[in-house]
C-alpha atoms as a PDB file:
ATOM      1  CA  UNK A   1     -45.403 146.669 272.220  1.00  0.00           C
ATOM      2  CA  UNK A   2     -43.524 149.119 269.940  1.00  0.00           C
ATOM      3  CA  UNK A   3     -40.633 148.065 268.099  1.00  0.00           C
ATOM      4  CA  UNK A   4     -37.633 149.892 270.818  1.00  0.00           C
ATOM      5  CA  UNK A   5     -39.574 148.519 272.899  1.00  0.00           C
ATOM      6  CA  UNK A   6     -39.177 145.394 271.515  1.00  0.00           C
ATOM      7  CA  UNK A   7     -35.757 145.234 270.566  1.00  0.00           C
ATOM      8  CA  UNK A   8     -34.564 146.873 273.911  1.00  0.00           C
ATOM      9  CA  UNK A   9     -36.954 143.476 276.229  1.00  0.00           C
ATOM     10  CA  UNK A  10     -35.028 141.458 273.894  1.00  0.00           C
ATOM     11  CA  UNK A  11     -31.883 141.930 273.596  1.00  0.00           C
ATOM     12  CA  UNK A  12     -32.288 142.751 277.053  1.00  0.00           C
ATOM     13  CA  UNK A  13     -32.017 138.869 277.814  1.00  0.00           C
ATOM     14  CA  UNK A  14     -29.685 137.606 274.878  1.00  0.00           C
ATOM     15  CA  UNK A  15     -27.035 140.293 275.797  1.00  0.00           C
ATOM     16  CA  UNK A  16     -23.792 138.989 277.501  1.00  0.00           C
ATOM     17  CA  UNK A  17     -23.800 135.275 276.349  1.00  0.00           C
ATOM     18  CA  UNK A  18     -20.710 135.689 274.678  1.00  0.00           C
ATOM     19  CA  UNK A  19     -17.920 132.868 272.904  1.00  0.00           C
ATOM     20  CA  UNK A  20     -17.191 130.880 276.047  1.00  0.00           C
ATOM     21  CA  UNK A  21     -15.861 128.075 274.385  1.00  0.00           C
ATOM     22  CA  UNK A  22     -13.696 129.175 271.423  1.00  0.00           C
ATOM     23  CA  UNK A  23     -10.062 130.141 272.418  1.00  0.00           C
ATOM     24  CA  UNK A  24      -9.488 132.475 269.419  1.00  0.00           C
ATOM     25  CA  UNK A  25     -10.955 135.046 267.916  1.00  0.00           C
ATOM     26  CA  UNK A  26     -14.869 134.540 265.983  1.00  0.00           C
ATOM     27  CA  UNK A  27     -13.836 134.307 262.377  1.00  0.00           C
ATOM     28  CA  UNK A  28     -15.938 136.225 259.426  1.00  0.00           C
ATOM     29  CA  UNK A  29     -16.226 136.059 256.125  1.00  0.00           C
ATOM     30  CA  UNK A  30     -17.576 139.079 254.252  1.00  0.00           C
ATOM     31  CA  UNK A  31     -19.512 139.002 251.125  1.00  0.00           C
ATOM     32  CA  UNK A  32     -20.014 142.349 250.457  1.00  0.00           C
ATOM     33  CA  UNK A  33     -19.642 144.125 246.365  1.00  0.00           C
ATOM     34  CA  UNK A  34     -18.655 147.567 247.992  1.00  0.00           C
ATOM     35  CA  UNK A  35     -15.198 148.163 248.417  1.00  0.00           C
ATOM     36  CA  UNK A  36     -16.096 151.091 251.098  1.00  0.00           C
ATOM     37  CA  UNK A  37     -18.543 148.917 252.972  1.00  0.00           C
ATOM     38  CA  UNK A  38     -15.683 146.286 253.019  1.00  0.00           C
ATOM     39  CA  UNK A  39     -12.881 149.282 254.569  1.00  0.00           C
ATOM     40  CA  UNK A  40     -15.580 149.736 256.605  1.00  0.00           C
ATOM     41  CA  UNK A  41     -16.018 146.756 258.625  1.00  0.00           C
ATOM     42  CA  UNK A  42     -12.735 145.481 258.329  1.00  0.00           C
ATOM     43  CA  UNK A  43     -11.952 149.213 260.377  1.00  0.00           C
ATOM     44  CA  UNK A  44     -14.652 147.341 263.030  1.00  0.00           C
ATOM     45  CA  UNK A  45     -12.952 144.268 263.428  1.00  0.00           C
ATOM     46  CA  UNK A  46      -9.265 145.515 263.438  1.00  0.00           C
ATOM     47  CA  UNK A  47      -9.215 146.803 266.815  1.00  0.00           C
ATOM     48  CA  UNK A  48     -11.355 144.570 268.214  1.00  0.00           C
ATOM     49  CA  UNK A  49      -9.566 142.055 268.638  1.00  0.00           C
ATOM     50  CA  UNK A  50     -12.074 138.737 269.176  1.00  0.00           C
ATOM     51  CA  UNK A  51     -13.050 139.003 265.649  1.00  0.00           C
ATOM     52  CA  UNK A  52     -11.246 138.823 262.881  1.00  0.00           C
ATOM     53  CA  UNK A  53     -11.936 139.303 259.064  1.00  0.00           C
ATOM     54  CA  UNK A  54     -10.415 136.110 257.077  1.00  0.00           C
ATOM     55  CA  UNK A  55     -12.561 136.219 253.889  1.00  0.00           C
ATOM     56  CA  UNK A  56     -13.926 138.685 252.140  1.00  0.00           C
ATOM     57  CA  UNK A  57     -15.038 138.678 248.082  1.00  0.00           C
ATOM     58  CA  UNK A  58     -17.699 140.444 245.841  1.00  0.00           C
ATOM     59  CA  UNK A  59     -19.270 136.598 245.531  1.00  0.00           C
ATOM     60  CA  UNK A  60     -20.896 133.823 247.333  1.00  0.00           C
ATOM     61  CA  UNK A  61     -18.192 131.893 245.451  1.00  0.00           C
ATOM     62  CA  UNK A  62     -15.041 133.621 246.196  1.00  0.00           C
ATOM     63  CA  UNK A  63     -14.754 133.074 249.751  1.00  0.00           C
ATOM     64  CA  UNK A  64     -16.440 129.797 249.454  1.00  0.00           C
ATOM     65  CA  UNK A  65     -14.310 126.793 251.320  1.00  0.00           C
ATOM     66  CA  UNK A  66     -12.432 129.401 253.735  1.00  0.00           C
ATOM     67  CA  UNK A  67     -13.418 128.454 257.231  1.00  0.00           C
ATOM     68  CA  UNK A  68     -15.040 131.145 259.027  1.00  0.00           C
ATOM     69  CA  UNK A  69     -17.856 130.957 262.339  1.00  0.00           C
ATOM     70  CA  UNK A  70     -19.934 133.120 260.514  1.00  0.00           C
ATOM     71  CA  UNK A  71     -20.579 133.961 256.754  1.00  0.00           C
ATOM     72  CA  UNK A  72     -21.684 137.801 256.640  1.00  0.00           C
ATOM     73  CA  UNK A  73     -23.600 138.591 253.498  1.00  0.00           C
ATOM     74  CA  UNK A  74     -24.779 141.232 251.353  1.00  0.00           C
ATOM     75  CA  UNK A  75     -28.366 140.571 250.023  1.00  0.00           C
ATOM     76  CA  UNK A  76     -27.710 142.786 246.453  1.00  0.00           C
ATOM     77  CA  UNK A  77     -24.463 141.432 245.042  1.00  0.00           C
ATOM     78  CA  UNK A  78     -24.050 142.751 241.662  1.00  0.00           C
ATOM     79  CA  UNK A  79     -27.912 144.048 241.421  1.00  0.00           C
ATOM     80  CA  UNK A  80     -28.920 140.560 242.376  1.00  0.00           C
ATOM     81  CA  UNK A  81     -30.830 139.486 245.395  1.00  0.00           C
ATOM     82  CA  UNK A  82     -29.274 136.305 246.811  1.00  0.00           C
ATOM     83  CA  UNK A  83     -32.332 135.776 249.306  1.00  0.00           C
ATOM     84  CA  UNK A  84     -32.496 132.284 247.403  1.00  0.00           C
ATOM     85  CA  UNK A  85     -28.804 131.067 248.755  1.00  0.00           C
ATOM     86  CA  UNK A  86     -29.813 131.640 251.835  1.00  0.00           C
ATOM     87  CA  UNK A  87     -31.421 128.223 253.183  1.00  0.00           C
ATOM     88  CA  UNK A  88     -28.417 126.699 251.055  1.00  0.00           C
ATOM     89  CA  UNK A  89     -26.338 128.333 252.964  1.00  0.00           C
ATOM     90  CA  UNK A  90     -27.507 127.043 256.003  1.00  0.00           C
ATOM     91  CA  UNK A  91     -27.973 123.630 255.573  1.00  0.00           C
ATOM     92  CA  UNK A  92     -24.773 123.340 255.098  1.00  0.00           C
ATOM     93  CA  UNK A  93     -24.057 124.236 259.162  1.00  0.00           C
ATOM     94  CA  UNK A  94     -22.977 127.758 257.773  1.00  0.00           C
ATOM     95  CA  UNK A  95     -24.205 131.201 260.644  1.00  0.00           C
ATOM     96  CA  UNK A  96     -25.324 133.483 258.572  1.00  0.00           C
ATOM     97  CA  UNK A  97     -25.761 136.851 259.638  1.00  0.00           C
ATOM     98  CA  UNK A  98     -27.692 139.112 256.624  1.00  0.00           C
ATOM     99  CA  UNK A  99     -25.802 142.635 256.526  1.00  0.00           C
ATOM    100  CA  UNK A 100     -28.385 144.474 253.829  1.00  0.00           C
ATOM    101  CA  UNK A 101     -30.322 147.790 252.934  1.00  0.00           C
ATOM    102  CA  UNK A 102     -32.763 146.458 252.409  1.00  0.00           C
ATOM    103  CA  UNK A 103     -34.645 145.936 256.129  1.00  0.00           C
ATOM    104  CA  UNK A 104     -38.417 145.514 255.213  1.00  0.00           C
ATOM    105  CA  UNK A 105     -40.062 143.400 257.213  1.00  0.00           C
ATOM    106  CA  UNK A 106     -40.998 140.757 254.637  1.00  0.00           C
ATOM    107  CA  UNK A 107     -37.293 140.328 253.476  1.00  0.00           C
ATOM    108  CA  UNK A 108     -36.584 139.971 256.888  1.00  0.00           C
ATOM    109  CA  UNK A 109     -38.315 137.332 258.019  1.00  0.00           C
ATOM    110  CA  UNK A 110     -38.128 135.585 254.673  1.00  0.00           C
ATOM    111  CA  UNK A 111     -34.419 135.587 255.116  1.00  0.00           C
ATOM    112  CA  UNK A 112     -35.112 134.589 258.887  1.00  0.00           C
ATOM    113  CA  UNK A 113     -37.661 131.547 257.624  1.00  0.00           C
ATOM    114  CA  UNK A 114     -34.637 130.133 255.588  1.00  0.00           C
ATOM    115  CA  UNK A 115     -32.614 129.963 258.406  1.00  0.00           C
ATOM    116  CA  UNK A 116     -30.166 132.681 258.676  1.00  0.00           C
ATOM    117  CA  UNK A 117     -29.097 133.203 262.479  1.00  0.00           C
ATOM    118  CA  UNK A 118     -29.667 137.209 262.230  1.00  0.00           C
ATOM    119  CA  UNK A 119     -30.411 140.185 260.242  1.00  0.00           C
ATOM    120  CA  UNK A 120     -28.320 143.916 260.833  1.00  0.00           C
ATOM    121  CA  UNK A 121     -29.310 146.332 258.829  1.00  0.00           C
ATOM    122  CA  UNK A 122     -26.288 148.642 257.267  1.00  0.00           C
ATOM    123  CA  UNK A 123     -28.692 151.857 257.368  1.00  0.00           C
ATOM    124  CA  UNK A 124     -28.963 151.745 261.662  1.00  0.00           C
ATOM    125  CA  UNK A 125     -25.818 149.174 262.010  1.00  0.00           C
ATOM    126  CA  UNK A 126     -23.002 150.633 264.711  1.00  0.00           C
ATOM    127  CA  UNK A 127     -19.668 149.076 265.383  1.00  0.00           C
ATOM    128  CA  UNK A 128     -20.928 147.733 268.549  1.00  0.00           C
ATOM    129  CA  UNK A 129     -23.898 146.378 267.473  1.00  0.00           C
ATOM    130  CA  UNK A 130     -22.804 144.613 264.442  1.00  0.00           C
ATOM    131  CA  UNK A 131     -19.806 142.940 266.684  1.00  0.00           C
ATOM    132  CA  UNK A 132     -22.165 142.137 269.083  1.00  0.00           C
ATOM    133  CA  UNK A 133     -24.622 140.317 267.507  1.00  0.00           C
ATOM    134  CA  UNK A 134     -21.498 138.773 265.530  1.00  0.00           C
ATOM    135  CA  UNK A 135     -20.602 137.392 268.704  1.00  0.00           C
ATOM    136  CA  UNK A 136     -23.494 136.407 270.301  1.00  0.00           C
ATOM    137  CA  UNK A 137     -24.240 133.942 266.844  1.00  0.00           C
ATOM    138  CA  UNK A 138     -20.969 132.642 266.731  1.00  0.00           C
ATOM    139  CA  UNK A 139     -21.462 131.099 270.333  1.00  0.00           C
ATOM    140  CA  UNK A 140     -25.038 129.735 268.805  1.00  0.00           C
ATOM    141  CA  UNK A 141     -27.345 132.257 271.139  1.00  0.00           C
ATOM    142  CA  UNK A 142     -30.116 134.525 269.409  1.00  0.00           C
ATOM    143  CA  UNK A 143     -29.782 137.699 269.003  1.00  0.00           C
ATOM    144  CA  UNK A 144     -32.426 139.686 268.148  1.00  0.00           C
ATOM    145  CA  UNK A 145     -31.499 143.473 266.119  1.00  0.00           C
ATOM    146  CA  UNK A 146     -33.692 146.264 265.513  1.00  0.00           C
ATOM    147  CA  UNK A 147     -35.066 144.966 262.158  1.00  0.00           C
ATOM    148  CA  UNK A 148     -35.853 141.492 263.491  1.00  0.00           C
ATOM    149  CA  UNK A 149     -37.683 142.842 266.313  1.00  0.00           C
ATOM    150  CA  UNK A 150     -39.262 145.279 263.687  1.00  0.00           C
ATOM    151  CA  UNK A 151     -40.562 141.849 261.455  1.00  0.00           C
ATOM    152  CA  UNK A 152     -41.604 140.042 264.309  1.00  0.00           C
ATOM    153  CA  UNK A 153     -43.646 143.143 265.595  1.00  0.00           C
ATOM    154  CA  UNK A 154     -45.473 143.868 262.645  1.00  0.00           C
ATOM    155  CA  UNK A 155     -45.813 140.220 261.716  1.00  0.00           C
ATOM    156  CA  UNK A 156     -49.740 139.264 260.493  1.00  0.00           C
ATOM    157  CA  UNK A 157     -50.338 136.823 263.274  1.00  0.00           C
ATOM    158  CA  UNK A 158     -47.906 138.502 266.496  1.00  0.00           C
ATOM    159  CA  UNK A 159     -49.805 136.312 268.868  1.00  0.00           C
ATOM    160  CA  UNK A 160     -49.288 132.975 266.452  1.00  0.00           C
ATOM    161  CA  UNK A 161     -45.370 133.177 265.767  1.00  0.00           C
ATOM    162  CA  UNK A 162     -44.385 132.127 262.074  1.00  0.00           C
ATOM    163  CA  UNK A 163     -42.545 128.936 262.438  1.00  0.00           C
ATOM    164  CA  UNK A 164     -40.406 127.977 259.498  1.00  0.00           C
ATOM    165  CA  UNK A 165     -40.618 124.590 258.773  1.00  0.00           C
ATOM    166  CA  UNK A 166     -37.104 123.556 259.509  1.00  0.00           C
ATOM    167  CA  UNK A 167     -37.885 125.627 263.231  1.00  0.00           C
ATOM    168  CA  UNK A 168     -40.900 122.771 263.322  1.00  0.00           C
ATOM    169  CA  UNK A 169     -39.431 119.464 262.653  1.00  0.00           C
ATOM    170  CA  UNK A 170     -36.921 121.285 265.055  1.00  0.00           C
ATOM    171  CA  UNK A 171     -39.311 121.269 267.899  1.00  0.00           C
ATOM    172  CA  UNK A 172     -41.605 117.894 267.308  1.00  0.00           C
ATOM    173  CA  UNK A 173     -38.931 115.548 266.899  1.00  0.00           C
ATOM    174  CA  UNK A 174     -37.609 117.995 270.154  1.00  0.00           C
ATOM    175  CA  UNK A 175     -40.780 116.941 272.161  1.00  0.00           C
ATOM    176  CA  UNK A 176     -40.417 113.896 270.988  1.00  0.00           C
ATOM    177  CA  UNK A 177     -37.771 113.008 273.796  1.00  0.00           C
ATOM    178  CA  UNK A 178     -35.028 113.580 271.859  1.00  0.00           C
ATOM    179  CA  UNK A 179     -31.607 114.857 272.554  1.00  0.00           C
ATOM    180  CA  UNK A 180     -30.892 118.205 270.309  1.00  0.00           C
ATOM    181  CA  UNK A 181     -27.767 115.817 269.198  1.00  0.00           C
ATOM    182  CA  UNK A 182     -30.623 113.102 267.872  1.00  0.00           C
ATOM    183  CA  UNK A 183     -32.435 115.794 266.010  1.00  0.00           C
ATOM    184  CA  UNK A 184     -29.741 116.713 264.418  1.00  0.00           C
ATOM    185  CA  UNK A 185     -29.042 112.773 263.096  1.00  0.00           C
ATOM    186  CA  UNK A 186     -32.362 113.083 261.696  1.00  0.00           C
ATOM    187  CA  UNK A 187     -32.396 116.279 260.100  1.00  0.00           C
ATOM    188  CA  UNK A 188     -29.131 116.275 258.748  1.00  0.00           C
ATOM    189  CA  UNK A 189     -27.679 118.896 260.500  1.00  0.00           C
ATOM    190  CA  UNK A 190     -25.380 120.091 262.528  1.00  0.00           C
ATOM    191  CA  UNK A 191     -25.953 120.225 266.719  1.00  0.00           C
ATOM    192  CA  UNK A 192     -26.012 123.954 266.543  1.00  0.00           C
ATOM    193  CA  UNK A 193     -28.580 124.531 263.770  1.00  0.00           C
ATOM    194  CA  UNK A 194     -31.240 122.469 266.104  1.00  0.00           C
ATOM    195  CA  UNK A 195     -30.216 124.931 269.075  1.00  0.00           C
ATOM    196  CA  UNK A 196     -30.573 127.802 266.513  1.00  0.00           C
ATOM    197  CA  UNK A 197     -33.925 126.463 265.653  1.00  0.00           C
ATOM    198  CA  UNK A 198     -35.150 126.123 269.169  1.00  0.00           C
ATOM    199  CA  UNK A 199     -33.781 129.503 270.624  1.00  0.00           C
ATOM    200  CA  UNK A 200     -35.487 131.026 267.144  1.00  0.00           C
ATOM    201  CA  UNK A 201     -38.986 129.580 267.923  1.00  0.00           C
ATOM    202  CA  UNK A 202     -39.083 130.716 271.503  1.00  0.00           C
ATOM    203  CA  UNK A 203     -37.392 134.196 270.414  1.00  0.00           C
ATOM    204  CA  UNK A 204     -40.199 134.741 268.359  1.00  0.00           C
ATOM    205  CA  UNK A 205     -43.150 133.862 271.296  1.00  0.00           C
ATOM    206  CA  UNK A 206     -41.328 136.466 273.352  1.00  0.00           C
ATOM    207  CA  UNK A 207     -41.638 138.799 271.181  1.00  0.00           C
ATOM    208  CA  UNK A 208     -45.428 138.232 270.296  1.00  0.00           C
ATOM    209  CA  UNK A 209     -46.226 138.821 274.180  1.00  0.00           C
ATOM    210  CA  UNK A 210     -45.765 134.433 275.151  1.00  0.00           C
ATOM    211  CA  UNK A 211     -42.423 133.742 276.754  1.00  0.00           C
ATOM    212  CA  UNK A 212     -41.370 130.248 276.996  1.00  0.00           C
ATOM    213  CA  UNK A 213     -38.380 129.585 278.357  1.00  0.00           C
ATOM    214  CA  UNK A 214     -38.777 126.141 279.244  1.00  0.00           C
ATOM    215  CA  UNK A 215     -39.358 122.947 276.854  1.00  0.00           C
ATOM    216  CA  UNK A 216     -43.003 122.595 278.835  1.00  0.00           C
ATOM    217  CA  UNK A 217     -44.160 126.063 278.321  1.00  0.00           C
ATOM    218  CA  UNK A 218     -42.715 125.954 274.400  1.00  0.00           C
ATOM    219  CA  UNK A 219     -44.996 122.625 274.088  1.00  0.00           C
ATOM    220  CA  UNK A 220     -47.830 123.747 275.638  1.00  0.00           C
ATOM    221  CA  UNK A 221     -47.666 127.305 273.122  1.00  0.00           C
ATOM    222  CA  UNK A 222     -47.080 125.073 269.943  1.00  0.00           C
ATOM    223  CA  UNK A 223     -49.950 122.895 270.647  1.00  0.00           C
ATOM    224  CA  UNK A 224     -52.925 126.044 271.588  1.00  0.00           C
ATOM    225  CA  UNK A 225     -51.582 127.573 268.168  1.00  0.00           C
ATOM    226  CA  UNK A 226     -52.002 124.430 265.912  1.00  0.00           C
ATOM    227  CA  UNK A 227     -48.246 123.898 265.511  1.00  0.00           C
ATOM    228  CA  UNK A 228     -48.441 120.415 266.284  1.00  0.00           C
ATOM    229  CA  UNK A 229     -51.161 118.482 267.273  1.00  0.00           C
ATOM    230  CA  UNK A 230     -51.039 116.552 270.177  1.00  0.00           C
ATOM    231  CA  UNK A 231     -51.289 112.865 269.126  1.00  0.00           C
ATOM    232  CA  UNK A 232     -47.698 114.122 267.368  1.00  0.00           C
ATOM    233  CA  UNK A 233     -45.339 114.025 270.713  1.00  0.00           C
ATOM    234  CA  UNK A 234     -45.185 110.906 270.728  1.00  0.00           C
ATOM    235  CA  UNK A 235     -42.036 109.003 273.220  1.00  0.00           C
ATOM    236  CA  UNK A 236     -38.749 109.074 270.741  1.00  0.00           C
ATOM    237  CA  UNK A 237     -36.832 105.334 271.577  1.00  0.00           C
ATOM    238  CA  UNK A 238     -33.870 105.036 269.587  1.00  0.00           C
ATOM    239  CA  UNK A 239     -33.052 102.215 267.197  1.00  0.00           C
ATOM    240  CA  UNK A 240     -30.447 100.935 269.501  1.00  0.00           C
ATOM    241  CA  UNK A 241     -32.576 100.992 272.677  1.00  0.00           C
ATOM    242  CA  UNK A 242     -35.806  98.854 270.559  1.00  0.00           C
ATOM    243  CA  UNK A 243     -36.074  95.411 270.823  1.00  0.00           C
ATOM    244  CA  UNK A 244     -36.262  93.482 268.269  1.00  0.00           C
ATOM    245  CA  UNK A 245     -40.305  93.483 268.343  1.00  0.00           C
ATOM    246  CA  UNK A 246     -40.369  97.148 268.452  1.00  0.00           C
ATOM    247  CA  UNK A 247     -37.772  97.004 265.067  1.00  0.00           C
ATOM    248  CA  UNK A 248     -40.608  95.570 263.220  1.00  0.00           C
END
């Protein structure tokens, strides 16, 4: 499947799932060290109404502590690549969209594996595509941009998606009959992050030509690829529901 076809195929399935539960505009904090880019992003948001820029600065620390639905993050800040900070931000429950000119597939895969919700390439971003991605991510819906589609399509094993350790862990716990809330408690993350990990696994399988729209189909794919072993998938019983003998 070609890159443009793949991108159109994926975004066609994901488009339209906007924020139904939010009562106000989606809030965004922007980490960007070039003022011309900051001014451009602010102009994109200014006339939209559904997205509001609530903080901006040239470093991650400059916007830290400002509540925002989405963090829009440039990767090259003052000459230093901050790929290694993405996992830290996501682990704290922040929805991160990388906004960068470094669109190399290996870079895109690295930030997605670290937990980023999406990657927007500066070189081909438009007002419409940027706003759409932000709204999708804020609604905890998977969004596949052209750089993400290219990164997935050019992966060394496109028919066997490369899931991150956290994606695999979320799937394993979920397959053990745990609710997403229980998975979140087990992993020490937010429930919406669990949903993102599961949705991202589905996106990767669909991009590889193996759509897995149901839990059962996703489980079959994971076992076929050796991501999970059948004996790892056991029925999970919550601590409260166990008998004294079960608790040991």
